[in-house]
C-alpha atoms as a PDB file:
ATOM      1  CA  MET A   1     -66.222-112.656  -7.067  1.00  0.00           C
ATOM      2  CA  THR A   2     -63.636-115.429  -7.056  1.00  0.00           C
ATOM      3  CA  LEU A   3     -63.038-118.911  -8.414  1.00  0.00           C
ATOM      4  CA  PRO A   4     -63.355-121.784  -5.931  1.00  0.00           C
ATOM      5  CA  GLU A   5     -60.012-123.257  -4.863  1.00  0.00           C
ATOM      6  CA  TYR A   6     -58.701-125.829  -7.393  1.00  0.00           C
ATOM      7  CA  ALA A   7     -61.585-125.063  -9.784  1.00  0.00           C
ATOM      8  CA  PRO A   8     -60.888-125.041 -13.540  1.00  0.00           C
ATOM      9  CA  ALA A   9     -60.734-121.712 -15.303  1.00  0.00           C
ATOM     10  CA  SER A  10     -64.106-122.444 -16.875  1.00  0.00           C
ATOM     11  CA  HIS A  11     -65.831-122.623 -13.479  1.00  0.00           C
ATOM     12  CA  PRO A  12     -68.185-119.674 -12.881  1.00  0.00           C
ATOM     13  CA  SER A  13     -67.039-117.120 -10.345  1.00  0.00           C
ATOM     14  CA  ILE A  14     -68.725-117.093  -6.940  1.00  0.00           C
ATOM     15  CA  PRO A  15     -68.827-114.494  -4.150  1.00  0.00           C
ATOM     16  CA  ALA A  16     -65.972-114.570  -1.666  1.00  0.00           C
ATOM     17  CA  ARG A  17     -66.932-116.389   1.525  1.00  0.00           C
ATOM     18  CA  LYS A  18     -68.308-114.151   4.248  1.00  0.00           C
ATOM     19  CA  ILE A  19     -69.857-114.424   7.680  1.00  0.00           C
ATOM     20  CA  GLY A  20     -73.184-112.674   8.115  1.00  0.00           C
ATOM     21  CA  VAL A  21     -74.421-110.961  11.271  1.00  0.00           C
ATOM     22  CA  LEU A  22     -78.156-110.408  10.967  1.00  0.00           C
ATOM     23  CA  VAL A  23     -79.630-108.098  13.602  1.00  0.00           C
ATOM     24  CA  ALA A  24     -83.413-108.379  14.025  1.00  0.00           C
ATOM     25  CA  ASN A  25     -86.001-106.167  15.642  1.00  0.00           C
ATOM     26  CA  LEU A  26     -89.776-106.317  15.982  1.00  0.00           C
ATOM     27  CA  GLY A  27     -90.845-104.315  12.963  1.00  0.00           C
ATOM     28  CA  THR A  28     -92.541-101.195  11.752  1.00  0.00           C
ATOM     29  CA  PRO A  29     -95.237-100.189   9.287  1.00  0.00           C
ATOM     30  CA  ASP A  30     -94.018 -98.685   6.018  1.00  0.00           C
ATOM     31  CA  ALA A  31     -96.283 -95.674   6.490  1.00  0.00           C
ATOM     32  CA  THR A  32     -99.096 -94.433   8.734  1.00  0.00           C
ATOM     33  CA  ASP A  33    -102.006 -94.717   6.277  1.00  0.00           C
ATOM     34  CA  TYR A  34    -104.803 -97.242   6.809  1.00  0.00           C
ATOM     35  CA  TRP A  35    -103.604 -99.943   4.416  1.00  0.00           C
ATOM     36  CA  SER A  36     -99.963 -99.777   5.513  1.00  0.00           C
ATOM     37  CA  MET A  37    -101.067-100.088   9.123  1.00  0.00           C
ATOM     38  CA  ARG A  38    -103.499-102.886   8.300  1.00  0.00           C
ATOM     39  CA  ARG A  39    -100.822-104.968   6.527  1.00  0.00           C
ATOM     40  CA  TYR A  40     -98.436-104.527   9.427  1.00  0.00           C
ATOM     41  CA  LEU A  41    -100.994-105.248  12.153  1.00  0.00           C
ATOM     42  CA  SER A  42    -102.405-108.240  10.281  1.00  0.00           C
ATOM     43  CA  GLU A  43     -98.951-109.832  10.056  1.00  0.00           C
ATOM     44  CA  PHE A  44     -98.163-109.045  13.692  1.00  0.00           C
ATOM     45  CA  LEU A  45    -101.495-110.125  15.182  1.00  0.00           C
ATOM     46  CA  SER A  46    -101.652-113.268  13.039  1.00  0.00           C
ATOM     47  CA  ASP A  47     -98.425-114.575  14.566  1.00  0.00           C
ATOM     48  CA  LYS A  48     -99.255-117.650  16.647  1.00  0.00           C
ATOM     49  CA  ARG A  49     -96.356-116.829  18.964  1.00  0.00           C
ATOM     50  CA  VAL A  50     -98.045-113.518  19.787  1.00  0.00           C
ATOM     51  CA  ILE A  51    -101.671-114.637  19.957  1.00  0.00           C
ATOM     52  CA  ASP A  52    -102.062-118.373  20.145  1.00  0.00           C
ATOM     53  CA  TYR A  53    -105.829-118.680  19.863  1.00  0.00           C
ATOM     54  CA  PRO A  54    -107.082-121.156  17.212  1.00  0.00           C
ATOM     55  CA  ALA A  55    -107.237-119.540  13.770  1.00  0.00           C
ATOM     56  CA  TRP A  56    -110.920-120.428  13.342  1.00  0.00           C
ATOM     57  CA  LYS A  57    -111.671-118.429  16.478  1.00  0.00           C
ATOM     58  CA  TRP A  58    -109.205-115.547  16.135  1.00  0.00           C
ATOM     59  CA  GLN A  59    -108.959-114.724  12.427  1.00  0.00           C
ATOM     60  CA  PRO A  60    -112.634-113.811  11.822  1.00  0.00           C
ATOM     61  CA  LEU A  61    -112.484-111.435  14.794  1.00  0.00           C
ATOM     62  CA  LEU A  62    -109.136-110.002  13.689  1.00  0.00           C
ATOM     63  CA  GLN A  63    -109.953-109.520  10.014  1.00  0.00           C
ATOM     64  CA  THR A  64    -113.518-108.227  10.338  1.00  0.00           C
ATOM     65  CA  ILE A  65    -113.578-106.216  13.561  1.00  0.00           C
ATOM     66  CA  ILE A  66    -110.122-105.428  14.929  1.00  0.00           C
ATOM     67  CA  LEU A  67    -108.499-104.583  11.583  1.00  0.00           C
ATOM     68  CA  SER A  68    -111.425-102.444  10.508  1.00  0.00           C
ATOM     69  CA  LYS A  69    -110.754-100.005  13.367  1.00  0.00           C
ATOM     70  CA  ARG A  70    -107.310-100.471  14.861  1.00  0.00           C
ATOM     71  CA  PRO A  71    -105.306 -99.271  11.793  1.00  0.00           C
ATOM     72  CA  PHE A  72    -106.914 -95.836  12.199  1.00  0.00           C
ATOM     73  CA  THR A  73    -106.004 -95.477  15.889  1.00  0.00           C
ATOM     74  CA  SER A  74    -102.569 -97.038  15.477  1.00  0.00           C
ATOM     75  CA  GLY A  75    -101.858 -94.845  12.461  1.00  0.00           C
ATOM     76  CA  ALA A  76    -102.793 -91.744  14.463  1.00  0.00           C
ATOM     77  CA  ASN A  77    -100.446 -92.816  17.246  1.00  0.00           C
ATOM     78  CA  TYR A  78     -97.587 -93.451  14.812  1.00  0.00           C
ATOM     79  CA  ARG A  79     -98.112 -90.023  13.245  1.00  0.00           C
ATOM     80  CA  LEU A  80     -97.394 -88.461  16.649  1.00  0.00           C
ATOM     81  CA  ILE A  81     -93.871 -89.889  16.656  1.00  0.00           C
ATOM     82  CA  TRP A  82     -93.137 -90.404  12.930  1.00  0.00           C
ATOM     83  CA  ASN A  83     -89.759 -89.290  11.612  1.00  0.00           C
ATOM     84  CA  ASN A  84     -91.163 -87.107   8.845  1.00  0.00           C
ATOM     85  CA  GLU A  85     -87.768 -86.062   7.527  1.00  0.00           C
ATOM     86  CA  ALA A  86     -86.753 -89.658   6.787  1.00  0.00           C
ATOM     87  CA  ASN A  87     -90.377 -90.805   6.294  1.00  0.00           C
ATOM     88  CA  GLU A  88     -89.954 -93.738   8.658  1.00  0.00           C
ATOM     89  CA  SER A  89     -90.684 -94.757  12.219  1.00  0.00           C
ATOM     90  CA  PRO A  90     -88.209 -93.937  14.997  1.00  0.00           C
ATOM     91  CA  LEU A  91     -87.570 -97.666  15.432  1.00  0.00           C
ATOM     92  CA  MET A  92     -86.337 -97.830  11.831  1.00  0.00           C
ATOM     93  CA  THR A  93     -84.180 -94.725  12.238  1.00  0.00           C
ATOM     94  CA  ILE A  94     -82.589 -96.012  15.434  1.00  0.00           C
ATOM     95  CA  THR A  95     -82.049 -99.537  14.110  1.00  0.00           C
ATOM     96  CA  LYS A  96     -80.257 -98.121  11.068  1.00  0.00           C
ATOM     97  CA  ALA A  97     -78.003 -96.081  13.363  1.00  0.00           C
ATOM     98  CA  GLN A  98     -77.263 -99.135  15.524  1.00  0.00           C
ATOM     99  CA  VAL A  99     -76.376-101.258  12.512  1.00  0.00           C
ATOM    100  CA  ALA A 100     -74.204 -98.523  11.001  1.00  0.00           C
ATOM    101  CA  ALA A 101     -72.218 -98.383  14.243  1.00  0.00           C
ATOM    102  CA  LEU A 102     -71.934-102.184  14.381  1.00  0.00           C
ATOM    103  CA  ARG A 103     -70.703-102.258  10.773  1.00  0.00           C
ATOM    104  CA  GLU A 104     -67.920 -99.872  11.726  1.00  0.00           C
ATOM    105  CA  ARG A 105     -66.922-102.098  14.646  1.00  0.00           C
ATOM    106  CA  ALA A 106     -67.036-105.236  12.487  1.00  0.00           C
ATOM    107  CA  SER A 107     -64.998-103.607   9.740  1.00  0.00           C
ATOM    108  CA  ALA A 108     -62.341-102.511  12.212  1.00  0.00           C
ATOM    109  CA  LEU A 109     -62.086-106.019  13.681  1.00  0.00           C
ATOM    110  CA  TRP A 110     -62.581-108.274  10.684  1.00  0.00           C
ATOM    111  CA  GLY A 111     -62.402-106.199   7.519  1.00  0.00           C
ATOM    112  CA  ASP A 112     -64.748-107.314   4.769  1.00  0.00           C
ATOM    113  CA  ARG A 113     -65.014-110.882   6.076  1.00  0.00           C
ATOM    114  CA  VAL A 114     -68.103-110.043   8.166  1.00  0.00           C
ATOM    115  CA  MET A 115     -71.277-108.555   6.678  1.00  0.00           C
ATOM    116  CA  VAL A 116     -73.669-106.824   9.106  1.00  0.00           C
ATOM    117  CA  ASP A 117     -77.287-106.213   8.131  1.00  0.00           C
ATOM    118  CA  PHE A 118     -80.699-105.976   9.779  1.00  0.00           C
ATOM    119  CA  CYS A 119     -84.227-107.233   9.293  1.00  0.00           C
ATOM    120  CA  MET A 120     -87.638-106.880  10.897  1.00  0.00           C
ATOM    121  CA  ARG A 121     -89.869-109.702  12.073  1.00  0.00           C
ATOM    122  CA  TYR A 122     -92.910-107.852  10.740  1.00  0.00           C
ATOM    123  CA  GLY A 123     -92.827-105.452   7.823  1.00  0.00           C
ATOM    124  CA  ASN A 124     -89.709-104.450   5.920  1.00  0.00           C
ATOM    125  CA  PRO A 125     -86.920-105.253   5.411  1.00  0.00           C
ATOM    126  CA  SER A 126     -88.260-108.769   5.838  1.00  0.00           C
ATOM    127  CA  THR A 127     -86.165-111.588   7.263  1.00  0.00           C
ATOM    128  CA  PRO A 128     -86.401-113.764   4.102  1.00  0.00           C
ATOM    129  CA  ASP A 129     -85.333-110.863   1.872  1.00  0.00           C
ATOM    130  CA  VAL A 130     -82.262-110.071   3.942  1.00  0.00           C
ATOM    131  CA  VAL A 131     -81.255-113.725   4.332  1.00  0.00           C
ATOM    132  CA  GLU A 132     -81.473-114.066   0.527  1.00  0.00           C
ATOM    133  CA  ARG A 133     -79.318-110.967   0.119  1.00  0.00           C
ATOM    134  CA  MET A 134     -76.710-112.308   2.526  1.00  0.00           C
ATOM    135  CA  VAL A 135     -76.533-115.692   0.837  1.00  0.00           C
ATOM    136  CA  LYS A 136     -76.114-114.058  -2.573  1.00  0.00           C
ATOM    137  CA  ALA A 137     -73.331-111.920  -1.109  1.00  0.00           C
ATOM    138  CA  GLY A 138     -71.435-115.067  -0.137  1.00  0.00           C
ATOM    139  CA  CYS A 139     -72.406-115.571   3.515  1.00  0.00           C
ATOM    140  CA  ASP A 140     -72.018-119.277   4.240  1.00  0.00           C
ATOM    141  CA  ARG A 141     -72.429-118.699   7.991  1.00  0.00           C
ATOM    142  CA  ILE A 142     -74.978-116.375   9.613  1.00  0.00           C
ATOM    143  CA  LEU A 143     -75.234-115.238  13.225  1.00  0.00           C
ATOM    144  CA  PHE A 144     -78.840-114.225  13.910  1.00  0.00           C
ATOM    145  CA  PHE A 145     -79.207-111.633  16.687  1.00  0.00           C
ATOM    146  CA  PRO A 146     -82.720-110.694  17.892  1.00  0.00           C
ATOM    147  CA  LEU A 147     -82.365-107.407  19.771  1.00  0.00           C
ATOM    148  CA  TYR A 148     -84.317-108.491  22.857  1.00  0.00           C
ATOM    149  CA  PRO A 149     -82.341-108.558  26.114  1.00  0.00           C
ATOM    150  CA  GLN A 150     -84.920-110.820  27.781  1.00  0.00           C
ATOM    151  CA  TYR A 151     -86.118-113.961  26.020  1.00  0.00           C
ATOM    152  CA  ALA A 152     -89.819-114.349  25.241  1.00  0.00           C
ATOM    153  CA  GLY A 153     -91.643-116.669  22.909  1.00  0.00           C
ATOM    154  CA  ALA A 154     -93.478-113.686  21.411  1.00  0.00           C
ATOM    155  CA  THR A 155     -90.257-111.799  20.615  1.00  0.00           C
ATOM    156  CA  THR A 156     -87.037-113.827  20.471  1.00  0.00           C
ATOM    157  CA  ALA A 157     -88.618-117.141  19.495  1.00  0.00           C
ATOM    158  CA  THR A 158     -90.821-115.784  16.727  1.00  0.00           C
ATOM    159  CA  ALA A 159     -87.837-113.889  15.271  1.00  0.00           C
ATOM    160  CA  ASN A 160     -85.846-117.130  15.298  1.00  0.00           C
ATOM    161  CA  ASP A 161     -88.788-118.984  13.742  1.00  0.00           C
ATOM    162  CA  GLN A 162     -88.846-116.541  10.847  1.00  0.00           C
ATOM    163  CA  PHE A 163     -85.091-116.844  10.384  1.00  0.00           C
ATOM    164  CA  PHE A 164     -85.347-120.635  10.224  1.00  0.00           C
ATOM    165  CA  ARG A 165     -88.228-120.382   7.740  1.00  0.00           C
ATOM    166  CA  ALA A 166     -86.045-118.152   5.581  1.00  0.00           C
ATOM    167  CA  LEU A 167     -83.285-120.766   5.690  1.00  0.00           C
ATOM    168  CA  MET A 168     -85.774-123.397   4.496  1.00  0.00           C
ATOM    169  CA  ALA A 169     -86.024-121.550   1.175  1.00  0.00           C
ATOM    170  CA  GLN A 170     -82.280-121.744   0.535  1.00  0.00           C
ATOM    171  CA  LYS A 171     -80.994-124.538  -1.714  1.00  0.00           C
ATOM    172  CA  TRP A 172     -77.576-124.259  -0.067  1.00  0.00           C
ATOM    173  CA  GLN A 173     -78.216-123.303   3.530  1.00  0.00           C
ATOM    174  CA  PRO A 174     -75.609-121.317   5.416  1.00  0.00           C
ATOM    175  CA  ALA A 175     -74.562-122.628   8.807  1.00  0.00           C
ATOM    176  CA  SER A 176     -76.403-120.660  11.462  1.00  0.00           C
ATOM    177  CA  ARG A 177     -76.314-119.603  15.096  1.00  0.00           C
ATOM    178  CA  THR A 178     -78.752-117.622  17.201  1.00  0.00           C
ATOM    179  CA  VAL A 179     -77.795-115.260  20.018  1.00  0.00           C
ATOM    180  CA  PRO A 180     -79.199-116.065  23.480  1.00  0.00           C
ATOM    181  CA  ALA A 181     -80.776-113.546  25.837  1.00  0.00           C
ATOM    182  CA  TYR A 182     -78.347-111.081  27.417  1.00  0.00           C
ATOM    183  CA  PHE A 183     -80.536-109.670  30.207  1.00  0.00           C
ATOM    184  CA  ASP A 184     -78.010-110.332  32.985  1.00  0.00           C
ATOM    185  CA  ARG A 185     -74.736-109.394  31.289  1.00  0.00           C
ATOM    186  CA  ALA A 186     -72.687-107.038  33.443  1.00  0.00           C
ATOM    187  CA  ASP A 187     -71.959-104.696  30.521  1.00  0.00           C
ATOM    188  CA  TYR A 188     -75.658-104.475  29.626  1.00  0.00           C
ATOM    189  CA  ILE A 189     -76.558-103.678  33.234  1.00  0.00           C
ATOM    190  CA  ASP A 190     -73.752-101.105  33.334  1.00  0.00           C
ATOM    191  CA  ALA A 191     -75.132 -99.448  30.200  1.00  0.00           C
ATOM    192  CA  LEU A 192     -78.620 -99.294  31.728  1.00  0.00           C
ATOM    193  CA  ALA A 193     -77.236 -97.889  34.972  1.00  0.00           C
ATOM    194  CA  GLY A 194     -75.258 -95.268  33.093  1.00  0.00           C
ATOM    195  CA  SER A 195     -78.387 -94.103  31.269  1.00  0.00           C
ATOM    196  CA  VAL A 196     -80.221 -93.794  34.602  1.00  0.00           C
ATOM    197  CA  GLU A 197     -77.400 -91.861  36.229  1.00  0.00           C
ATOM    198  CA  ARG A 198     -77.162 -89.433  33.310  1.00  0.00           C
ATOM    199  CA  ALA A 199     -80.910 -88.862  33.156  1.00  0.00           C
ATOM    200  CA  LEU A 200     -81.306 -88.316  36.905  1.00  0.00           C
ATOM    201  CA  GLY A 201     -78.039 -86.524  37.546  1.00  0.00           C
ATOM    202  CA  GLY A 202     -77.016 -89.074  40.149  1.00  0.00           C
ATOM    203  CA  LYS A 203     -80.141 -88.481  42.255  1.00  0.00           C
ATOM    204  CA  VAL A 204     -81.998 -91.455  43.749  1.00  0.00           C
ATOM    205  CA  PRO A 205     -85.708 -91.095  42.844  1.00  0.00           C
ATOM    206  CA  ARG A 206     -88.642 -91.986  45.063  1.00  0.00           C
ATOM    207  CA  LYS A 207     -89.520 -94.551  42.419  1.00  0.00           C
ATOM    208  CA  LEU A 208     -87.969 -95.792  39.228  1.00  0.00           C
ATOM    209  CA  VAL A 209     -90.554 -97.828  37.333  1.00  0.00           C
ATOM    210  CA  ALA A 210     -88.971-100.428  35.057  1.00  0.00           C
ATOM    211  CA  SER A 211     -91.732-100.954  32.512  1.00  0.00           C
ATOM    212  CA  TYR A 212     -91.425-104.068  30.352  1.00  0.00           C
ATOM    213  CA  HIS A 213     -93.614-105.121  27.451  1.00  0.00           C
ATOM    214  CA  GLY A 214     -96.352-107.359  28.794  1.00  0.00           C
ATOM    215  CA  MET A 215     -97.578-110.819  27.860  1.00  0.00           C
ATOM    216  CA  PRO A 216    -100.468-113.036  28.965  1.00  0.00           C
ATOM    217  CA  ARG A 217     -99.828-114.474  32.431  1.00  0.00           C
ATOM    218  CA  ARG A 218    -100.702-117.870  31.001  1.00  0.00           C
ATOM    219  CA  TYR A 219     -97.469-117.825  28.964  1.00  0.00           C
ATOM    220  CA  LEU A 220     -95.462-117.619  32.197  1.00  0.00           C
ATOM    221  CA  LEU A 221     -97.343-120.586  33.631  1.00  0.00           C
ATOM    222  CA  GLU A 222     -96.632-122.511  30.412  1.00  0.00           C
ATOM    223  CA  GLY A 223     -92.891-122.075  30.888  1.00  0.00           C
ATOM    224  CA  ASP A 224     -91.904-118.784  29.236  1.00  0.00           C
ATOM    225  CA  PRO A 225     -88.935-117.334  31.224  1.00  0.00           C
ATOM    226  CA  TYR A 226     -89.596-113.701  30.272  1.00  0.00           C
ATOM    227  CA  HIS A 227     -91.153-112.608  33.583  1.00  0.00           C
ATOM    228  CA  CYS A 228     -88.272-114.060  35.610  1.00  0.00           C
ATOM    229  CA  GLN A 229     -85.655-112.475  33.366  1.00  0.00           C
ATOM    230  CA  CYS A 230     -87.341-109.063  33.646  1.00  0.00           C
ATOM    231  CA  GLN A 231     -87.363-109.327  37.434  1.00  0.00           C
ATOM    232  CA  LYS A 232     -83.667-110.235  37.448  1.00  0.00           C
ATOM    233  CA  THR A 233     -82.792-107.302  35.170  1.00  0.00           C
ATOM    234  CA  SER A 234     -84.532-104.921  37.571  1.00  0.00           C
ATOM    235  CA  ARG A 235     -82.765-106.439  40.589  1.00  0.00           C
ATOM    236  CA  LEU A 236     -79.340-106.308  38.956  1.00  0.00           C
ATOM    237  CA  LEU A 237     -79.924-102.711  37.886  1.00  0.00           C
ATOM    238  CA  ARG A 238     -80.839-101.711  41.454  1.00  0.00           C
ATOM    239  CA  GLU A 239     -77.779-103.486  42.841  1.00  0.00           C
ATOM    240  CA  ARG A 240     -75.505-101.897  40.255  1.00  0.00           C
ATOM    241  CA  LEU A 241     -76.870 -98.446  41.140  1.00  0.00           C
ATOM    242  CA  GLY A 242     -76.409 -99.160  44.845  1.00  0.00           C
ATOM    243  CA  TRP A 243     -80.009 -98.281  45.658  1.00  0.00           C
ATOM    244  CA  PRO A 244     -82.009 -99.760  48.549  1.00  0.00           C
ATOM    245  CA  GLU A 245     -84.751-102.298  47.958  1.00  0.00           C
ATOM    246  CA  GLY A 246     -88.103-100.802  47.010  1.00  0.00           C
ATOM    247  CA  VAL A 247     -86.796 -97.975  44.843  1.00  0.00           C
ATOM    248  CA  ILE A 248     -87.260 -99.870  41.557  1.00  0.00           C
ATOM    249  CA  ASP A 249     -90.661-101.355  40.709  1.00  0.00           C
ATOM    250  CA  THR A 250     -91.145-103.803  37.855  1.00  0.00           C
ATOM    251  CA  SER A 251     -94.337-103.452  35.817  1.00  0.00           C
ATOM    252  CA  PHE A 252     -95.714-104.432  32.420  1.00  0.00           C
ATOM    253  CA  GLN A 253     -97.363-102.417  29.653  1.00  0.00           C
ATOM    254  CA  SER A 254     -99.162-102.810  26.302  1.00  0.00           C
ATOM    255  CA  VAL A 255    -101.958-105.055  27.556  1.00  0.00           C
ATOM    256  CA  PHE A 256    -104.145-106.349  24.717  1.00  0.00           C
ATOM    257  CA  GLY A 257    -107.462-108.222  24.869  1.00  0.00           C
ATOM    258  CA  THR A 258    -109.416-109.490  27.857  1.00  0.00           C
ATOM    259  CA  GLU A 259    -107.036-112.188  29.133  1.00  0.00           C
ATOM    260  CA  GLU A 260    -105.065-111.465  32.307  1.00  0.00           C
ATOM    261  CA  TRP A 261    -101.518-110.338  31.573  1.00  0.00           C
ATOM    262  CA  LEU A 262     -98.416-110.060  33.736  1.00  0.00           C
ATOM    263  CA  ARG A 263     -98.999-107.631  36.589  1.00  0.00           C
ATOM    264  CA  PRO A 264     -98.790-104.945  37.756  1.00  0.00           C
ATOM    265  CA  TYR A 265     -99.912-103.057  34.663  1.00  0.00           C
ATOM    266  CA  THR A 266     -97.743 -99.958  34.260  1.00  0.00           C
ATOM    267  CA  VAL A 267    -100.619 -97.623  33.437  1.00  0.00           C
ATOM    268  CA  GLU A 268    -102.426 -98.630  36.648  1.00  0.00           C
ATOM    269  CA  HIS A 269     -99.285 -98.808  38.764  1.00  0.00           C
ATOM    270  CA  VAL A 270     -98.077 -95.258  38.075  1.00  0.00           C
ATOM    271  CA  ALA A 271    -101.537 -93.905  38.873  1.00  0.00           C
ATOM    272  CA  GLU A 272    -101.543 -95.806  42.163  1.00  0.00           C
ATOM    273  CA  LEU A 273     -98.117 -94.397  43.016  1.00  0.00           C
ATOM    274  CA  ALA A 274     -99.460 -90.883  42.492  1.00  0.00           C
ATOM    275  CA  ARG A 275    -102.481 -91.613  44.695  1.00  0.00           C
ATOM    276  CA  GLN A 276    -100.073 -92.810  47.393  1.00  0.00           C
ATOM    277  CA  GLY A 277     -98.372 -89.409  47.316  1.00  0.00           C
ATOM    278  CA  ILE A 278     -95.371 -90.382  45.199  1.00  0.00           C
ATOM    279  CA  THR A 279     -95.643 -87.475  42.794  1.00  0.00           C
ATOM    280  CA  GLU A 280     -92.175 -87.688  41.219  1.00  0.00           C
ATOM    281  CA  ILE A 281     -91.192 -90.826  39.322  1.00  0.00           C
ATOM    282  CA  ALA A 282     -88.873 -91.930  36.545  1.00  0.00           C
ATOM    283  CA  VAL A 283     -89.670 -94.641  33.991  1.00  0.00           C
ATOM    284  CA  ILE A 284     -87.237 -96.830  32.058  1.00  0.00           C
ATOM    285  CA  SER A 285     -87.908 -99.578  29.487  1.00  0.00           C
ATOM    286  CA  PRO A 286     -85.158-102.219  29.763  1.00  0.00           C
ATOM    287  CA  ALA A 287     -86.850-104.694  27.401  1.00  0.00           C
ATOM    288  CA  PHE A 288     -86.624-102.364  24.405  1.00  0.00           C
ATOM    289  CA  SER A 289     -83.304-101.965  22.596  1.00  0.00           C
ATOM    290  CA  ALA A 290     -84.643 -98.935  20.714  1.00  0.00           C
ATOM    291  CA  ASP A 291     -87.311 -96.332  21.359  1.00  0.00           C
ATOM    292  CA  CYS A 292     -90.509 -97.161  19.510  1.00  0.00           C
ATOM    293  CA  ILE A 293     -94.278 -96.700  19.605  1.00  0.00           C
ATOM    294  CA  GLU A 294     -94.476 -98.399  23.023  1.00  0.00           C
ATOM    295  CA  THR A 295     -92.018 -95.968  24.596  1.00  0.00           C
ATOM    296  CA  LEU A 296     -92.416 -92.742  22.635  1.00  0.00           C
ATOM    297  CA  GLU A 297     -96.215 -92.791  22.458  1.00  0.00           C
ATOM    298  CA  GLU A 298     -97.529 -95.219  25.076  1.00  0.00           C
ATOM    299  CA  ILE A 299     -95.199 -94.389  27.972  1.00  0.00           C
ATOM    300  CA  GLN A 300     -94.886 -90.693  27.227  1.00  0.00           C
ATOM    301  CA  GLY A 301     -98.567 -90.414  26.319  1.00  0.00           C
ATOM    302  CA  GLU A 302    -101.059 -92.764  27.971  1.00  0.00           C
ATOM    303  CA  ILE A 303     -98.899 -93.778  30.941  1.00  0.00           C
ATOM    304  CA  ARG A 304     -97.684 -90.251  31.674  1.00  0.00           C
ATOM    305  CA  GLU A 305    -101.266 -88.982  31.477  1.00  0.00           C
ATOM    306  CA  ALA A 306    -102.482 -91.657  33.904  1.00  0.00           C
ATOM    307  CA  PHE A 307     -99.816 -90.596  36.394  1.00  0.00           C
ATOM    308  CA  GLU A 308    -100.562 -86.900  36.082  1.00  0.00           C
ATOM    309  CA  HIS A 309    -104.337 -87.402  36.154  1.00  0.00           C
ATOM    310  CA  ALA A 310    -103.947 -89.214  39.491  1.00  0.00           C
ATOM    311  CA  GLY A 311    -101.985 -86.300  40.951  1.00  0.00           C
ATOM    312  CA  GLY A 312     -98.446 -86.940  39.760  1.00  0.00           C
ATOM    313  CA  LYS A 313     -96.265 -83.881  39.231  1.00  0.00           C
ATOM    314  CA  GLU A 314     -92.921 -84.893  37.729  1.00  0.00           C
ATOM    315  CA  PHE A 315     -92.595 -87.727  35.212  1.00  0.00           C
ATOM    316  CA  THR A 316     -89.142 -88.449  33.782  1.00  0.00           C
ATOM    317  CA  TYR A 317     -88.794 -90.874  30.903  1.00  0.00           C
ATOM    318  CA  ILE A 318     -85.319 -92.381  30.519  1.00  0.00           C
ATOM    319  CA  PRO A 319     -84.746 -93.189  26.828  1.00  0.00           C
ATOM    320  CA  CYS A 320     -83.795 -96.642  25.603  1.00  0.00           C
ATOM    321  CA  LEU A 321     -80.117 -97.325  25.020  1.00  0.00           C
ATOM    322  CA  ASN A 322     -80.619 -96.842  21.269  1.00  0.00           C
ATOM    323  CA  ALA A 323     -77.322 -96.134  19.487  1.00  0.00           C
ATOM    324  CA  GLU A 324     -75.488 -94.864  22.561  1.00  0.00           C
ATOM    325  CA  PRO A 325     -71.805 -95.870  22.493  1.00  0.00           C
ATOM    326  CA  ALA A 326     -72.159 -97.964  25.669  1.00  0.00           C
ATOM    327  CA  HIS A 327     -75.002 -99.909  24.057  1.00  0.00           C
ATOM    328  CA  ILE A 328     -73.037-100.458  20.848  1.00  0.00           C
ATOM    329  CA  ASP A 329     -70.173-101.731  23.029  1.00  0.00           C
ATOM    330  CA  VAL A 330     -72.533-104.315  24.537  1.00  0.00           C
ATOM    331  CA  LEU A 331     -73.968-105.426  21.199  1.00  0.00           C
ATOM    332  CA  ALA A 332     -70.518-105.619  19.609  1.00  0.00           C
ATOM    333  CA  ALA A 333     -69.251-107.717  22.520  1.00  0.00           C
ATOM    334  CA  VAL A 334     -72.214-110.082  22.246  1.00  0.00           C
ATOM    335  CA  ILE A 335     -71.570-110.479  18.528  1.00  0.00           C
ATOM    336  CA  ALA A 336     -67.838-111.078  18.986  1.00  0.00           C
ATOM    337  CA  GLU A 337     -68.446-113.738  21.633  1.00  0.00           C
ATOM    338  CA  ASN A 338     -71.036-115.545  19.526  1.00  0.00           C
ATOM    339  CA  LEU A 339     -68.771-115.512  16.465  1.00  0.00           C
ATOM    340  CA  GLY A 340     -66.204-117.531  18.405  1.00  0.00           C
ATOM    341  CA  GLY A 341     -64.674-120.189  16.169  1.00  0.00           C
ATOM    342  CA  TRP A 342     -65.915-118.466  13.031  1.00  0.00           C
ATOM    343  CA  VAL A 343     -63.575-115.474  13.182  1.00  0.00           C
END
């Protein structure tokens, strides 16, 4: 705590000025029981960026039918991957490790002038709570960093929306910046390629399936760039690896509801590959900065089973970049570049 410059001795002390770096990820339930899952799913599935149906049409269906059943199945799936030792989801564990590494980098570069913290779009720690904490700690500038390499309205934009809503509650708003998508950065592509090379021992597979989180196809037609950015990430990864065309397939997972989503659907695509006689595949998830329910349970459960049921023999999942040093290098570089003029 310090006195403002030129302030009289009677002036109350205030926190020393800091710059905040607020890393954001999707979110996680607090526990796997019914009510914890229901709170989390209700917040997530009520987001108009995620499901944009009119509230009068969607909410009765969500609150009376979907949320009476889905918390049980989702809770069972989370229990399969839950970090019981820390009593938290793997996404929470990995995000904490990422932020701890980024704090070390920030401290080495800028000392105590930069405060690094994290929030979740859904669940805890909530974006408003962490913004409040940063402001109270003296952050008069905040860099908001959604950990999504590819931009999508249902991920990056809704995280930004929540950040801006949190700023609306502040009497004295900090200056703010948001980090753009980094799907085509050379260092990000290098980090992805390195993870592939380590996992496969330098071998070129028959197929590497790059499975991205899906979205309704309608969103693409309405102008969302996500599909195009996913395709470019896959192409750049193939070029960086030096592989011929056709080795990497781009597909989309986590389809929800009856509306047509971006195709091909991963669960169907891997089964079709097996039926075509491609019985050895690898799967990577470039849209996820950390392993989570969609990778640890869906890909290694439902999608693997679909492949094997159709005759597949060898299924290799390549983990997300998580807190790998190469990934932390990328994130730290993105932060440093976006703090230009502030530090």
